């Protein structure tokens, strides 16, 4: 597909060797810089938060958090409860 407006990724690096996963996150960052919007579903908060402006945590389809990575990091109890971090 050429000139997409939106990139949707679901667990893009699950089960992939760490060096390759790092390269995927780097490429996602490059894509982000071009202005293409992305929806990324991933459990790796540390990696995904490096390429996101907004983070959402859903629990059984209900939003329990929506905000920046910085805002989420300021709530360690929420991260522990829902992300196991």
N, C-alpha and C. Protein backbone atom coordinates (compact mmCIF):
# COMPACT_ATOMS: atom_id res chain seq x y z
N UNK A 1 0.84 -1.17 0.00
CA UNK A 1 0.00 0.00 0.00
C UNK A 1 0.89 1.24 0.00
N UNK A 2 0.60 2.16 -0.86
CA UNK A 2 1.39 3.39 -0.90
C UNK A 2 0.63 4.52 -0.23
N UNK A 3 1.39 5.41 0.42
CA UNK A 3 0.83 6.59 1.09
C UNK A 3 -0.29 6.27 2.08
N UNK A 4 -0.05 5.37 3.02
CA UNK A 4 -1.11 5.07 3.99
C UNK A 4 -1.29 6.25 4.95
N UNK A 5 -2.50 6.39 5.47
CA UNK A 5 -2.77 7.42 6.46
C UNK A 5 -2.66 6.86 7.88
N UNK A 6 -2.75 5.53 7.99
CA UNK A 6 -2.77 4.90 9.30
C UNK A 6 -2.05 3.56 9.25
N UNK A 7 -1.23 3.30 10.27
CA UNK A 7 -0.55 2.03 10.43
C UNK A 7 -1.12 1.37 11.68
N UNK A 8 -1.57 0.13 11.59
CA UNK A 8 -2.10 -0.60 12.73
C UNK A 8 -1.21 -1.80 12.99
N UNK A 9 -0.68 -1.88 14.22
CA UNK A 9 0.21 -2.97 14.59
C UNK A 9 -0.31 -3.65 15.85
N UNK A 10 -0.35 -4.96 15.84
CA UNK A 10 -0.76 -5.74 17.01
C UNK A 10 0.38 -6.66 17.39
N UNK A 11 1.03 -6.37 18.53
CA UNK A 11 2.15 -7.18 19.03
C UNK A 11 3.19 -7.41 17.92
N UNK A 12 3.66 -6.33 17.35
CA UNK A 12 4.57 -6.39 16.20
C UNK A 12 5.89 -7.08 16.50
N UNK A 13 6.30 -7.11 17.76
CA UNK A 13 7.61 -7.70 18.08
C UNK A 13 7.51 -8.93 18.98
N UNK A 14 6.32 -9.43 19.17
CA UNK A 14 6.15 -10.61 20.03
C UNK A 14 6.88 -11.82 19.45
N UNK A 15 7.72 -12.43 20.29
CA UNK A 15 8.44 -13.63 19.88
C UNK A 15 9.62 -13.38 18.97
N UNK A 16 10.00 -12.13 18.78
CA UNK A 16 11.10 -11.78 17.88
C UNK A 16 12.36 -11.52 18.71
N UNK A 17 13.50 -11.90 18.20
CA UNK A 17 14.78 -11.68 18.89
C UNK A 17 14.95 -10.19 19.21
N UNK A 18 15.48 -9.87 20.39
CA UNK A 18 15.63 -8.48 20.81
C UNK A 18 16.29 -7.54 19.80
N UNK A 19 17.38 -7.94 19.14
CA UNK A 19 17.97 -7.00 18.16
C UNK A 19 17.03 -6.67 17.00
N UNK A 20 16.27 -7.65 16.58
CA UNK A 20 15.32 -7.41 15.48
C UNK A 20 14.15 -6.56 15.98
N UNK A 21 13.70 -6.82 17.21
CA UNK A 21 12.63 -6.02 17.81
C UNK A 21 13.06 -4.56 17.92
N UNK A 22 14.29 -4.31 18.33
CA UNK A 22 14.79 -2.93 18.42
C UNK A 22 14.76 -2.26 17.05
N UNK A 23 15.11 -2.99 16.03
CA UNK A 23 15.09 -2.44 14.68
C UNK A 23 13.65 -2.12 14.25
N UNK A 24 12.71 -2.97 14.61
CA UNK A 24 11.30 -2.71 14.29
C UNK A 24 10.84 -1.43 14.97
N UNK A 25 11.18 -1.25 16.26
CA UNK A 25 10.78 -0.03 16.98
C UNK A 25 11.44 1.20 16.36
N UNK A 26 12.68 1.05 15.90
CA UNK A 26 13.36 2.17 15.23
C UNK A 26 12.62 2.55 13.95
N UNK A 27 12.22 1.56 13.19
CA UNK A 27 11.50 1.81 11.94
C UNK A 27 10.14 2.44 12.22
N UNK A 28 9.46 1.98 13.26
CA UNK A 28 8.18 2.58 13.64
C UNK A 28 8.38 4.06 13.98
N UNK A 29 9.46 4.36 14.70
CA UNK A 29 9.79 5.76 15.00
C UNK A 29 10.01 6.57 13.75
N UNK A 30 10.69 6.00 12.77
CA UNK A 30 10.93 6.67 11.50
C UNK A 30 9.62 6.93 10.77
N UNK A 31 8.74 5.94 10.76
CA UNK A 31 7.43 6.09 10.13
C UNK A 31 6.66 7.20 10.82
N UNK A 32 6.73 7.23 12.14
CA UNK A 32 6.04 8.26 12.92
C UNK A 32 6.50 9.66 12.51
N UNK A 33 7.79 9.80 12.28
CA UNK A 33 8.34 11.10 11.90
C UNK A 33 7.82 11.59 10.55
N UNK A 34 7.31 10.69 9.73
CA UNK A 34 6.76 11.09 8.43
C UNK A 34 5.35 11.64 8.56
N UNK A 35 4.75 11.48 9.75
CA UNK A 35 3.40 12.00 9.97
C UNK A 35 2.31 10.96 9.82
N UNK A 36 2.68 9.73 9.57
CA UNK A 36 1.67 8.67 9.46
C UNK A 36 1.18 8.32 10.86
N UNK A 37 -0.12 8.30 11.05
CA UNK A 37 -0.70 7.94 12.34
C UNK A 37 -0.56 6.44 12.56
N UNK A 38 -0.49 6.04 13.82
CA UNK A 38 -0.35 4.62 14.13
C UNK A 38 -1.18 4.26 15.35
N UNK A 39 -1.76 3.08 15.30
CA UNK A 39 -2.39 2.47 16.46
C UNK A 39 -1.56 1.23 16.74
N UNK A 40 -0.96 1.20 17.93
CA UNK A 40 -0.07 0.10 18.28
C UNK A 40 -0.61 -0.60 19.52
N UNK A 41 -0.88 -1.88 19.39
CA UNK A 41 -1.30 -2.69 20.53
C UNK A 41 -0.09 -3.52 20.93
N UNK A 42 0.39 -3.30 22.15
CA UNK A 42 1.59 -4.00 22.57
C UNK A 42 1.68 -4.01 24.09
N UNK A 43 2.23 -5.07 24.64
CA UNK A 43 2.40 -5.17 26.08
C UNK A 43 3.74 -4.61 26.55
N UNK A 44 4.62 -4.30 25.63
CA UNK A 44 5.95 -3.79 25.96
C UNK A 44 5.89 -2.27 26.10
N UNK A 45 5.47 -1.81 27.29
CA UNK A 45 5.29 -0.38 27.50
C UNK A 45 6.59 0.39 27.30
N UNK A 46 7.69 -0.14 27.77
CA UNK A 46 8.97 0.56 27.65
C UNK A 46 9.28 0.87 26.19
N UNK A 47 9.05 -0.08 25.31
CA UNK A 47 9.35 0.13 23.89
C UNK A 47 8.29 1.00 23.21
N UNK A 48 7.04 0.68 23.45
CA UNK A 48 5.97 1.40 22.74
C UNK A 48 5.89 2.86 23.17
N UNK A 49 6.21 3.15 24.42
CA UNK A 49 6.11 4.54 24.89
C UNK A 49 7.17 5.44 24.27
N UNK A 50 8.19 4.85 23.66
CA UNK A 50 9.21 5.68 23.00
C UNK A 50 8.72 6.22 21.67
N UNK A 51 7.65 5.65 21.14
CA UNK A 51 7.15 6.09 19.82
C UNK A 51 5.71 6.59 19.87
N UNK A 52 5.17 6.82 21.08
CA UNK A 52 3.78 7.24 21.18
C UNK A 52 3.64 8.62 21.80
N UNK A 53 2.57 9.29 21.42
CA UNK A 53 2.19 10.55 22.04
C UNK A 53 1.13 10.30 23.11
N UNK A 54 0.31 9.30 22.86
CA UNK A 54 -0.83 9.01 23.73
C UNK A 54 -0.87 7.51 23.97
N UNK A 55 -1.15 7.14 25.21
CA UNK A 55 -1.23 5.74 25.58
C UNK A 55 -2.59 5.47 26.21
N UNK A 56 -3.15 4.32 25.88
CA UNK A 56 -4.45 3.94 26.42
C UNK A 56 -4.34 2.53 26.97
N UNK A 57 -4.86 2.33 28.18
CA UNK A 57 -4.93 0.99 28.75
C UNK A 57 -6.40 0.61 28.77
N UNK A 58 -6.70 -0.52 28.13
CA UNK A 58 -8.06 -1.05 28.12
C UNK A 58 -8.12 -2.30 28.98
N UNK A 59 -9.15 -2.43 29.75
CA UNK A 59 -9.41 -3.63 30.53
C UNK A 59 -10.83 -4.07 30.22
N UNK A 60 -10.94 -5.22 29.58
CA UNK A 60 -12.23 -5.75 29.16
C UNK A 60 -13.03 -4.72 28.38
N UNK A 61 -12.34 -4.02 27.48
CA UNK A 61 -12.98 -3.05 26.61
C UNK A 61 -13.25 -1.69 27.25
N UNK A 62 -12.85 -1.51 28.49
CA UNK A 62 -13.09 -0.25 29.20
C UNK A 62 -11.77 0.50 29.36
N UNK A 63 -11.79 1.79 29.07
CA UNK A 63 -10.59 2.61 29.21
C UNK A 63 -10.34 2.86 30.70
N UNK A 64 -9.16 2.42 31.18
CA UNK A 64 -8.79 2.68 32.57
C UNK A 64 -7.70 3.74 32.67
N UNK A 65 -7.10 4.07 31.55
CA UNK A 65 -6.11 5.15 31.48
C UNK A 65 -6.02 5.65 30.05
N UNK A 66 -5.90 6.96 29.91
CA UNK A 66 -5.62 7.58 28.61
C UNK A 66 -4.79 8.81 28.88
N UNK A 67 -3.61 8.87 28.31
CA UNK A 67 -2.74 10.02 28.50
C UNK A 67 -1.36 9.75 27.96
N UNK A 68 -0.44 10.62 28.30
CA UNK A 68 0.93 10.48 27.81
C UNK A 68 1.69 9.41 28.58
N UNK A 69 2.80 8.99 28.02
CA UNK A 69 3.65 8.03 28.72
C UNK A 69 4.16 8.60 30.03
N UNK A 70 4.45 9.89 30.05
CA UNK A 70 4.92 10.55 31.27
C UNK A 70 3.85 10.50 32.35
N UNK A 71 2.61 10.77 31.96
CA UNK A 71 1.49 10.71 32.91
C UNK A 71 1.32 9.29 33.46
N UNK A 72 1.48 8.31 32.59
CA UNK A 72 1.33 6.93 33.03
C UNK A 72 2.48 6.53 33.95
N UNK A 73 3.70 6.93 33.62
CA UNK A 73 4.85 6.61 34.47
C UNK A 73 4.71 7.23 35.85
N UNK A 74 3.96 8.32 35.96
CA UNK A 74 3.74 8.98 37.25
C UNK A 74 2.73 8.23 38.11
N UNK A 75 2.15 7.16 37.57
CA UNK A 75 1.16 6.36 38.30
C UNK A 75 1.65 4.91 38.39
N UNK A 76 2.70 4.66 39.15
CA UNK A 76 3.28 3.31 39.21
C UNK A 76 2.29 2.23 39.66
N UNK A 77 1.35 2.60 40.52
CA UNK A 77 0.37 1.60 40.97
C UNK A 77 -0.52 1.15 39.81
N UNK A 78 -0.85 2.05 38.91
CA UNK A 78 -1.64 1.71 37.74
C UNK A 78 -0.84 0.84 36.79
N UNK A 79 0.43 1.18 36.60
CA UNK A 79 1.31 0.37 35.74
C UNK A 79 1.46 -1.03 36.31
N UNK A 80 1.65 -1.14 37.61
CA UNK A 80 1.80 -2.45 38.24
C UNK A 80 0.52 -3.28 38.08
N UNK A 81 -0.61 -2.64 38.34
CA UNK A 81 -1.87 -3.34 38.30
C UNK A 81 -2.22 -3.86 36.91
N UNK A 82 -2.01 -3.03 35.90
CA UNK A 82 -2.47 -3.40 34.55
C UNK A 82 -1.37 -3.85 33.61
N UNK A 83 -0.13 -3.46 33.87
CA UNK A 83 0.95 -3.82 32.96
C UNK A 83 1.98 -4.76 33.59
N UNK A 84 1.85 -4.96 34.90
CA UNK A 84 2.80 -5.83 35.59
C UNK A 84 4.19 -5.22 35.68
N UNK A 85 4.27 -3.89 35.60
CA UNK A 85 5.56 -3.21 35.66
C UNK A 85 5.76 -2.64 37.05
